[in-house]
Amino acid sequence: MIAQPEDGNLREAASRQANRLAEYGGGHPGPRQLRQLFLDLAAELGRGTAGGRAMSS
């Protein structure tokens, strides 16, 4: 489950999370993999027609 941002802009929220995870300097691959998932999500939502404001279930 993910918490949706109050403004409903999932693309921007995913980008912010990816930026936060970019600061991780440890050796575990998990945060880097999670960052890539957020980057992929932001990119996919950026291609949508609703400007990344909605996510289908």
PDB file of N, CA and C in Angstrom:
ATOM      1  N   MET A   1       0.847  -1.184   0.000  1.00  0.00           N
ATOM      2  CA  MET A   1       0.000   0.000   0.000  1.00  0.00           C
ATOM      3  C   MET A   1       0.884   1.236   0.000  1.00  0.00           C
ATOM      4  N   ILE A   2       0.423   2.245  -0.703  1.00  0.00           N
ATOM      5  CA  ILE A   2       1.126   3.517  -0.679  1.00  0.00           C
ATOM      6  C   ILE A   2       0.142   4.605  -0.299  1.00  0.00           C
ATOM      7  N   ALA A   3       0.649   5.589   0.393  1.00  0.00           N
ATOM      8  CA  ALA A   3      -0.173   6.744   0.734  1.00  0.00           C
ATOM      9  C   ALA A   3      -0.135   7.701  -0.446  1.00  0.00           C
ATOM     10  N   GLN A   4      -1.293   8.123  -0.889  1.00  0.00           N
ATOM     11  CA  GLN A   4      -1.352   9.062  -1.996  1.00  0.00           C
ATOM     12  C   GLN A   4      -1.196  10.478  -1.463  1.00  0.00           C
ATOM     13  N   PRO A   5      -0.501  11.339  -2.198  1.00  0.00           N
ATOM     14  CA  PRO A   5      -0.316  12.714  -1.747  1.00  0.00           C
ATOM     15  C   PRO A   5      -1.645  13.458  -1.727  1.00  0.00           C
ATOM     16  N   GLU A   6      -1.756  14.427  -0.822  1.00  0.00           N
ATOM     17  CA  GLU A   6      -3.001  15.183  -0.694  1.00  0.00           C
ATOM     18  C   GLU A   6      -3.384  15.885  -1.986  1.00  0.00           C
ATOM     19  N   ASP A   7      -2.395  16.375  -2.736  1.00  0.00           N
ATOM     20  CA  ASP A   7      -2.722  17.075  -3.983  1.00  0.00           C
ATOM     21  C   ASP A   7      -3.053  16.109  -5.116  1.00  0.00           C
ATOM     22  N   GLY A   8      -2.879  14.804  -4.879  1.00  0.00           N
ATOM     23  CA  GLY A   8      -3.237  13.800  -5.870  1.00  0.00           C
ATOM     24  C   GLY A   8      -2.236  13.649  -6.991  1.00  0.00           C
ATOM     25  N   ASN A   9      -1.087  14.319  -6.939  1.00  0.00           N
ATOM     26  CA  ASN A   9      -0.123  14.235  -8.025  1.00  0.00           C
ATOM     27  C   ASN A   9       0.897  13.144  -7.709  1.00  0.00           C
ATOM     28  N   LEU A  10       0.591  11.940  -8.157  1.00  0.00           N
ATOM     29  CA  LEU A  10       1.453  10.793  -7.871  1.00  0.00           C
ATOM     30  C   LEU A  10       2.791  10.891  -8.584  1.00  0.00           C
ATOM     31  N   ARG A  11       2.819  11.491  -9.770  1.00  0.00           N
ATOM     32  CA  ARG A  11       4.077  11.625 -10.501  1.00  0.00           C
ATOM     33  C   ARG A  11       5.072  12.459  -9.712  1.00  0.00           C
ATOM     34  N   GLU A  12       4.635  13.592  -9.211  1.00  0.00           N
ATOM     35  CA  GLU A  12       5.527  14.443  -8.425  1.00  0.00           C
ATOM     36  C   GLU A  12       5.934  13.762  -7.120  1.00  0.00           C
ATOM     37  N   ALA A  13       5.003  13.075  -6.485  1.00  0.00           N
ATOM     38  CA  ALA A  13       5.308  12.381  -5.234  1.00  0.00           C
ATOM     39  C   ALA A  13       6.343  11.276  -5.470  1.00  0.00           C
ATOM     40  N   ALA A  14       6.199  10.539  -6.563  1.00  0.00           N
ATOM     41  CA  ALA A  14       7.159   9.480  -6.878  1.00  0.00           C
ATOM     42  C   ALA A  14       8.542  10.077  -7.160  1.00  0.00           C
ATOM     43  N   SER A  15       8.569  11.199  -7.852  1.00  0.00           N
ATOM     44  CA  SER A  15       9.843  11.872  -8.134  1.00  0.00           C
ATOM     45  C   SER A  15      10.511  12.345  -6.851  1.00  0.00           C
ATOM     46  N   ARG A  16       9.728  12.887  -5.932  1.00  0.00           N
ATOM     47  CA  ARG A  16      10.293  13.334  -4.646  1.00  0.00           C
ATOM     48  C   ARG A  16      10.885  12.163  -3.872  1.00  0.00           C
ATOM     49  N   GLN A  17      10.190  11.037  -3.867  1.00  0.00           N
ATOM     50  CA  GLN A  17      10.695   9.872  -3.152  1.00  0.00           C
ATOM     51  C   GLN A  17      11.983   9.354  -3.805  1.00  0.00           C
ATOM     52  N   ALA A  18      12.024   9.358  -5.123  1.00  0.00           N
ATOM     53  CA  ALA A  18      13.238   8.921  -5.820  1.00  0.00           C
ATOM     54  C   ALA A  18      14.409   9.826  -5.462  1.00  0.00           C
ATOM     55  N   ASN A  19      14.163  11.121  -5.377  1.00  0.00           N
ATOM     56  CA  ASN A  19      15.219  12.063  -5.003  1.00  0.00           C
ATOM     57  C   ASN A  19      15.709  11.804  -3.586  1.00  0.00           C
ATOM     58  N   ARG A  20      14.802  11.510  -2.683  1.00  0.00           N
ATOM     59  CA  ARG A  20      15.195  11.205  -1.305  1.00  0.00           C
ATOM     60  C   ARG A  20      16.043   9.943  -1.250  1.00  0.00           C
ATOM     61  N   LEU A  21      15.650   8.929  -2.005  1.00  0.00           N
ATOM     62  CA  LEU A  21      16.380   7.666  -2.005  1.00  0.00           C
ATOM     63  C   LEU A  21      17.745   7.799  -2.689  1.00  0.00           C
ATOM     64  N   ALA A  22      17.920   8.781  -3.548  1.00  0.00           N
ATOM     65  CA  ALA A  22      19.200   8.992  -4.228  1.00  0.00           C
ATOM     66  C   ALA A  22      20.298   9.330  -3.226  1.00  0.00           C
ATOM     67  N   GLU A  23      19.914   9.813  -2.051  1.00  0.00           N
ATOM     68  CA  GLU A  23      20.881  10.195  -1.026  1.00  0.00           C
ATOM     69  C   GLU A  23      21.427   8.985  -0.255  1.00  0.00           C
ATOM     70  N   TYR A  24      20.837   7.827  -0.454  1.00  0.00           N
ATOM     71  CA  TYR A  24      21.268   6.625   0.266  1.00  0.00           C
ATOM     72  C   TYR A  24      22.697   6.275  -0.131  1.00  0.00           C
ATOM     73  N   GLY A  25      23.562   6.121   0.848  1.00  0.00           N
ATOM     74  CA  GLY A  25      24.951   5.818   0.576  1.00  0.00           C
ATOM     75  C   GLY A  25      25.390   4.448   1.051  1.00  0.00           C
ATOM     76  N   GLY A  26      24.460   3.671   1.564  1.00  0.00           N
ATOM     77  CA  GLY A  26      24.802   2.350   2.084  1.00  0.00           C
ATOM     78  C   GLY A  26      25.016   1.325   0.978  1.00  0.00           C
ATOM     79  N   GLY A  27      25.336   0.133   1.394  1.00  0.00           N
ATOM     80  CA  GLY A  27      25.649  -0.922   0.451  1.00  0.00           C
ATOM     81  C   GLY A  27      24.500  -1.842   0.091  1.00  0.00           C
ATOM     82  N   HIS A  28      23.380  -1.730   0.769  1.00  0.00           N
ATOM     83  CA  HIS A  28      22.253  -2.623   0.486  1.00  0.00           C
ATOM     84  C   HIS A  28      21.579  -2.201  -0.819  1.00  0.00           C
ATOM     85  N   PRO A  29      21.254  -3.148  -1.702  1.00  0.00           N
ATOM     86  CA  PRO A  29      20.652  -2.792  -2.990  1.00  0.00           C
ATOM     87  C   PRO A  29      19.178  -2.388  -2.914  1.00  0.00           C
ATOM     88  N   GLY A  30      18.517  -2.681  -1.805  1.00  0.00           N
ATOM     89  CA  GLY A  30      17.083  -2.412  -1.699  1.00  0.00           C
ATOM     90  C   GLY A  30      16.697  -0.965  -1.973  1.00  0.00           C
ATOM     91  N   PRO A  31      17.308   0.010  -1.314  1.00  0.00           N
ATOM     92  CA  PRO A  31      16.930   1.406  -1.576  1.00  0.00           C
ATOM     93  C   PRO A  31      17.163   1.834  -3.027  1.00  0.00           C
ATOM     94  N   ARG A  32      18.208   1.313  -3.653  1.00  0.00           N
ATOM     95  CA  ARG A  32      18.443   1.660  -5.066  1.00  0.00           C
ATOM     96  C   ARG A  32      17.369   1.041  -5.957  1.00  0.00           C
ATOM     97  N   GLN A  33      16.950  -0.169  -5.635  1.00  0.00           N
ATOM     98  CA  GLN A  33      15.891  -0.817  -6.403  1.00  0.00           C
ATOM     99  C   GLN A  33      14.568  -0.088  -6.212  1.00  0.00           C
ATOM    100  N   LEU A  34      14.302   0.316  -4.972  1.00  0.00           N
ATOM    101  CA  LEU A  34      13.075   1.065  -4.688  1.00  0.00           C
ATOM    102  C   LEU A  34      13.086   2.405  -5.419  1.00  0.00           C
ATOM    103  N   ARG A  35      14.247   3.065  -5.428  1.00  0.00           N
ATOM    104  CA  ARG A  35      14.369   4.332  -6.162  1.00  0.00           C
ATOM    105  C   ARG A  35      14.028   4.123  -7.636  1.00  0.00           C
ATOM    106  N   GLN A  36      14.542   3.038  -8.215  1.00  0.00           N
ATOM    107  CA  GLN A  36      14.256   2.780  -9.627  1.00  0.00           C
ATOM    108  C   GLN A  36      12.767   2.545  -9.858  1.00  0.00           C
ATOM    109  N   LEU A  37      12.114   1.878  -8.932  1.00  0.00           N
ATOM    110  CA  LEU A  37      10.661   1.683  -9.056  1.00  0.00           C
ATOM    111  C   LEU A  37       9.926   3.020  -9.057  1.00  0.00           C
ATOM    112  N   PHE A  38      10.345   3.933  -8.159  1.00  0.00           N
ATOM    113  CA  PHE A  38       9.718   5.260  -8.130  1.00  0.00           C
ATOM    114  C   PHE A  38      10.003   6.030  -9.416  1.00  0.00           C
ATOM    115  N   LEU A  39      11.221   5.927  -9.944  1.00  0.00           N
ATOM    116  CA  LEU A  39      11.544   6.597 -11.208  1.00  0.00           C
ATOM    117  C   LEU A  39      10.695   6.043 -12.349  1.00  0.00           C
ATOM    118  N   ASP A  40      10.546   4.723 -12.383  1.00  0.00           N
ATOM    119  CA  ASP A  40       9.724   4.093 -13.418  1.00  0.00           C
ATOM    120  C   ASP A  40       8.267   4.522 -13.297  1.00  0.00           C
ATOM    121  N   LEU A  41       7.769   4.580 -12.073  1.00  0.00           N
ATOM    122  CA  LEU A  41       6.387   5.008 -11.854  1.00  0.00           C
ATOM    123  C   LEU A  41       6.194   6.439 -12.314  1.00  0.00           C
ATOM    124  N   ALA A  42       7.110   7.330 -11.938  1.00  0.00           N
ATOM    125  CA  ALA A  42       7.001   8.734 -12.335  1.00  0.00           C
ATOM    126  C   ALA A  42       7.026   8.866 -13.861  1.00  0.00           C
ATOM    127  N   ALA A  43       7.899   8.099 -14.510  1.00  0.00           N
ATOM    128  CA  ALA A  43       7.983   8.154 -15.966  1.00  0.00           C
ATOM    129  C   ALA A  43       6.690   7.658 -16.616  1.00  0.00           C
ATOM    130  N   GLU A  44       6.166   6.563 -16.092  1.00  0.00           N
ATOM    131  CA  GLU A  44       4.922   6.017 -16.649  1.00  0.00           C
ATOM    132  C   GLU A  44       3.762   6.988 -16.451  1.00  0.00           C
ATOM    133  N   LEU A  45       3.672   7.576 -15.279  1.00  0.00           N
ATOM    134  CA  LEU A  45       2.593   8.524 -15.015  1.00  0.00           C
ATOM    135  C   LEU A  45       2.753   9.791 -15.839  1.00  0.00           C
ATOM    136  N   GLY A  46       3.998  10.168 -16.131  1.00  0.00           N
ATOM    137  CA  GLY A  46       4.246  11.345 -16.954  1.00  0.00           C
ATOM    138  C   GLY A  46       3.775  11.167 -18.381  1.00  0.00           C
ATOM    139  N   ARG A  47       3.683   9.914 -18.825  1.00  0.00           N
ATOM    140  CA  ARG A  47       3.201   9.624 -20.181  1.00  0.00           C
ATOM    141  C   ARG A  47       1.682   9.578 -20.248  1.00  0.00           C
ATOM    142  N   GLY A  48       1.016   9.561 -19.085  1.00  0.00           N
ATOM    143  CA  GLY A  48      -0.448   9.459 -19.066  1.00  0.00           C
ATOM    144  C   GLY A  48      -1.125  10.734 -19.509  1.00  0.00           C
ATOM    145  N   THR A  49      -2.392  10.627 -19.820  1.00  0.00           N
ATOM    146  CA  THR A  49      -3.143  11.779 -20.318  1.00  0.00           C
ATOM    147  C   THR A  49      -3.642  12.676 -19.199  1.00  0.00           C
ATOM    148  N   ALA A  50      -3.670  12.174 -17.973  1.00  0.00           N
ATOM    149  CA  ALA A  50      -4.185  12.982 -16.862  1.00  0.00           C
ATOM    150  C   ALA A  50      -3.050  13.687 -16.117  1.00  0.00           C
ATOM    151  N   GLY A  51      -1.885  13.772 -16.709  1.00  0.00           N
ATOM    152  CA  GLY A  51      -0.780  14.466 -16.066  1.00  0.00           C
ATOM    153  C   GLY A  51      -0.288  13.790 -14.809  1.00  0.00           C
ATOM    154  N   GLY A  52      -0.526  12.485 -14.696  1.00  0.00           N
ATOM    155  CA  GLY A  52      -0.048  11.759 -13.519  1.00  0.00           C
ATOM    156  C   GLY A  52      -0.866  12.000 -12.279  1.00  0.00           C
ATOM    157  N   ARG A  53      -2.086  12.476 -12.421  1.00  0.00           N
ATOM    158  CA  ARG A  53      -2.904  12.792 -11.256  1.00  0.00           C
ATOM    159  C   ARG A  53      -3.782  11.639 -10.804  1.00  0.00           C
ATOM    160  N   ALA A  54      -3.873  10.599 -11.583  1.00  0.00           N
ATOM    161  CA  ALA A  54      -4.740   9.476 -11.186  1.00  0.00           C
ATOM    162  C   ALA A  54      -4.008   8.162 -11.398  1.00  0.00           C
ATOM    163  N   MET A  55      -4.393   7.178 -10.618  1.00  0.00           N
ATOM    164  CA  MET A  55      -3.809   5.856 -10.769  1.00  0.00           C
ATOM    165  C   MET A  55      -4.957   4.860 -10.818  1.00  0.00           C
ATOM    166  N   SER A  56      -4.975   4.048 -11.855  1.00  0.00           N
ATOM    167  CA  SER A  56      -6.050   3.062 -11.955  1.00  0.00           C
ATOM    168  C   SER A  56      -5.797   1.921 -10.994  1.00  0.00           C
ATOM    169  N   SER A  57      -6.878   1.269 -10.555  1.00  0.00           N
ATOM    170  CA  SER A  57      -6.720   0.152  -9.623  1.00  0.00           C
ATOM    171  C   SER A  57      -7.009  -1.152 -10.273  1.00  0.00           C
TER     172      SER A  57
END
